[in-house]
Amino acid sequence: MRSRSNSGVKLDSYARTLQQTILCQQDPVTGLLPGDEKLPHAWVRDNVYCILSVWALSLAYRKNADRDEDKAKAYELEQVGP
């Protein structure tokens, strides 16, 4: 069994951070992200900036995919966008 490369471990750390800060806020029906916790409104600018970080992480997973798990994670992140 191969061990994870250092870049794979870093990507997993970034994915956890992204999940805890951005993706947990995503509306399950619309897929949009609220601009503020107090206001349920979604702003286009905020959604574009947030989803760009998700997209960038999916590209990083795709580029450094040494395992099938990484390819699956890249695909999962690509499907998150609104």
C-alpha atoms as a PDB file:
ATOM      1  CA  MET A   1       0.000   0.000   0.000  1.00  0.00           C
ATOM      2  CA  ARG A   2       1.380   3.396  -0.998  1.00  0.00           C
ATOM      3  CA  SER A   3       1.430   6.272   1.405  1.00  0.00           C
ATOM      4  CA  ARG A   4      -0.005   9.666   0.524  1.00  0.00           C
ATOM      5  CA  SER A   5       2.316  12.228  -0.998  1.00  0.00           C
ATOM      6  CA  ASN A   6       2.872  15.478   0.840  1.00  0.00           C
ATOM      7  CA  SER A   7       0.817  17.369  -1.748  1.00  0.00           C
ATOM      8  CA  GLY A   8      -2.061  14.910  -1.295  1.00  0.00           C
ATOM      9  CA  VAL A   9      -2.059  15.495   2.450  1.00  0.00           C
ATOM     10  CA  LYS A  10      -2.067  19.273   1.909  1.00  0.00           C
ATOM     11  CA  LEU A  11      -4.957  19.005  -0.537  1.00  0.00           C
ATOM     12  CA  ASP A  12      -6.931  16.987   2.002  1.00  0.00           C
ATOM     13  CA  SER A  13      -6.274  19.705   4.573  1.00  0.00           C
ATOM     14  CA  TYR A  14      -7.514  22.374   2.153  1.00  0.00           C
ATOM     15  CA  ALA A  15     -10.597  20.280   1.390  1.00  0.00           C
ATOM     16  CA  ARG A  16     -11.438  20.030   5.104  1.00  0.00           C
ATOM     17  CA  THR A  17     -11.026  23.794   5.505  1.00  0.00           C
ATOM     18  CA  LEU A  18     -13.199  24.438   2.457  1.00  0.00           C
ATOM     19  CA  GLN A  19     -15.878  22.102   3.805  1.00  0.00           C
ATOM     20  CA  GLN A  20     -15.871  23.739   7.244  1.00  0.00           C
ATOM     21  CA  THR A  21     -15.935  27.336   6.008  1.00  0.00           C
ATOM     22  CA  ILE A  22     -17.753  27.447   2.660  1.00  0.00           C
ATOM     23  CA  LEU A  23     -19.558  24.267   1.702  1.00  0.00           C
ATOM     24  CA  CYS A  24     -21.344  23.869   5.038  1.00  0.00           C
ATOM     25  CA  GLN A  25     -23.112  27.178   4.254  1.00  0.00           C
ATOM     26  CA  GLN A  26     -24.398  26.020   0.860  1.00  0.00           C
ATOM     27  CA  ASP A  27     -28.168  25.807   0.435  1.00  0.00           C
ATOM     28  CA  PRO A  28     -29.132  22.180  -0.330  1.00  0.00           C
ATOM     29  CA  VAL A  29     -31.913  23.146  -2.758  1.00  0.00           C
ATOM     30  CA  THR A  30     -30.472  26.045  -4.760  1.00  0.00           C
ATOM     31  CA  GLY A  31     -26.773  25.382  -4.245  1.00  0.00           C
ATOM     32  CA  LEU A  32     -26.211  29.065  -3.520  1.00  0.00           C
ATOM     33  CA  LEU A  33     -24.091  30.439  -0.705  1.00  0.00           C
ATOM     34  CA  PRO A  34     -25.449  33.188   1.578  1.00  0.00           C
ATOM     35  CA  GLY A  35     -23.452  36.399   1.842  1.00  0.00           C
ATOM     36  CA  ASP A  36     -23.996  36.641   5.591  1.00  0.00           C
ATOM     37  CA  GLU A  37     -25.151  34.200   8.272  1.00  0.00           C
ATOM     38  CA  LYS A  38     -27.842  36.621   9.445  1.00  0.00           C
ATOM     39  CA  LEU A  39     -29.247  37.352   5.989  1.00  0.00           C
ATOM     40  CA  PRO A  40     -30.474  34.464   3.844  1.00  0.00           C
ATOM     41  CA  HIS A  41     -29.851  36.394   0.609  1.00  0.00           C
ATOM     42  CA  ALA A  42     -27.328  35.099  -1.894  1.00  0.00           C
ATOM     43  CA  TRP A  43     -25.197  37.581  -3.802  1.00  0.00           C
ATOM     44  CA  VAL A  44     -23.765  36.684  -7.199  1.00  0.00           C
ATOM     45  CA  ARG A  45     -20.353  38.185  -6.411  1.00  0.00           C
ATOM     46  CA  ASP A  46     -20.016  36.173  -3.184  1.00  0.00           C
ATOM     47  CA  ASN A  47     -21.083  32.964  -4.907  1.00  0.00           C
ATOM     48  CA  VAL A  48     -18.601  33.448  -7.743  1.00  0.00           C
ATOM     49  CA  TYR A  49     -15.685  34.041  -5.369  1.00  0.00           C
ATOM     50  CA  CYS A  50     -16.604  31.088  -3.170  1.00  0.00           C
ATOM     51  CA  ILE A  51     -17.170  28.663  -6.002  1.00  0.00           C
ATOM     52  CA  LEU A  52     -13.875  29.689  -7.638  1.00  0.00           C
ATOM     53  CA  SER A  53     -12.052  28.389  -4.569  1.00  0.00           C
ATOM     54  CA  VAL A  54     -13.915  25.079  -4.861  1.00  0.00           C
ATOM     55  CA  TRP A  55     -13.124  24.883  -8.580  1.00  0.00           C
ATOM     56  CA  ALA A  56      -9.428  25.646  -7.972  1.00  0.00           C
ATOM     57  CA  LEU A  57      -9.232  22.855  -5.413  1.00  0.00           C
ATOM     58  CA  SER A  58     -10.866  20.422  -7.846  1.00  0.00           C
ATOM     59  CA  LEU A  59      -8.238  21.342 -10.470  1.00  0.00           C
ATOM     60  CA  ALA A  60      -5.477  20.742  -7.929  1.00  0.00           C
ATOM     61  CA  TYR A  61      -6.925  17.317  -7.075  1.00  0.00           C
ATOM     62  CA  ARG A  62      -7.195  16.469 -10.772  1.00  0.00           C
ATOM     63  CA  LYS A  63      -3.585  17.511 -11.434  1.00  0.00           C
ATOM     64  CA  ASN A  64      -2.155  15.546  -8.494  1.00  0.00           C
ATOM     65  CA  ALA A  65      -4.434  12.508  -8.707  1.00  0.00           C
ATOM     66  CA  ASP A  66      -2.272   9.535  -7.705  1.00  0.00           C
ATOM     67  CA  ARG A  67      -5.223   7.456  -6.478  1.00  0.00           C
ATOM     68  CA  ASP A  68      -8.794   6.803  -7.474  1.00  0.00           C
ATOM     69  CA  GLU A  69      -9.887   8.583  -4.295  1.00  0.00           C
ATOM     70  CA  ASP A  70      -8.298  11.806  -5.565  1.00  0.00           C
ATOM     71  CA  LYS A  71     -10.040  11.493  -8.930  1.00  0.00           C
ATOM     72  CA  ALA A  72     -13.341  10.912  -7.137  1.00  0.00           C
ATOM     73  CA  LYS A  73     -12.749  13.923  -4.883  1.00  0.00           C
ATOM     74  CA  ALA A  74     -11.984  16.101  -7.933  1.00  0.00           C
ATOM     75  CA  TYR A  75     -15.216  14.967  -9.590  1.00  0.00           C
ATOM     76  CA  GLU A  76     -17.199  15.585  -6.391  1.00  0.00           C
ATOM     77  CA  LEU A  77     -15.840  19.118  -6.059  1.00  0.00           C
ATOM     78  CA  GLU A  78     -16.619  19.855  -9.714  1.00  0.00           C
ATOM     79  CA  GLN A  79     -20.271  18.934  -9.112  1.00  0.00           C
ATOM     80  CA  VAL A  80     -20.682  21.290  -6.120  1.00  0.00           C
ATOM     81  CA  GLY A  81     -21.115  24.528  -8.085  1.00  0.00           C
ATOM     82  CA  PRO A  82     -24.510  26.195  -8.350  1.00  0.00           C
END
